[in-house]
Amino acid sequence: MRRGYLVFLVMACLSCRSASVTEADHSRIGLSRDSQTVILGGLDYAVLQELKKDSLTAEGFRQLLAVYRMPADTDMKDYQNEQPGIYQITDSLIIFKPDTPFKKHQTYFARFYGHSTENTPARLAQGKGNLKAPKYTEEVFKF
């Protein structure tokens, strides 16, 4: 009987999800209307305010949201250098403006290295998780 309670308790704990894990469910990467900036939205207001207070360096921002130029050989895209640019935080968005404008007929991709909801303990226990899943959200843009 004790073993049954223990198994139930472990399964109940594994199925719990904290609010910080669900943040990435709503994050989205897109372009501004003029296609000159990359916008990350859907993050919690409190998280954005903390990022503002931290006054991240350019390197800190690149570890959170990075924009890359797509290579001709897409197998090499994990080895690309980040596009240099300026990051800005507003009340609801993180905005990236490249130092040089995006080129026409060129493909770029942006990655948000936030929480991954793919591999929660509950999903792994249910056999639905994927340990090889990327730990970022990616969006591809073609100009």
Foldseek 3Di string as FASTA:
>chain_A
DVVVVVVVVVLVVLPDDDPQQCQVVQWDWDADPVRQKIKIFSGDLVVLVVCVVVPDDQVRVCLFKFKFWQDPPNVCRVVTDTFDFDWDGDSTIIMTGGPDGDDAQTKMKMKGQGADNQDRSNCVVVVNHDPPDDNIDMDMDHD
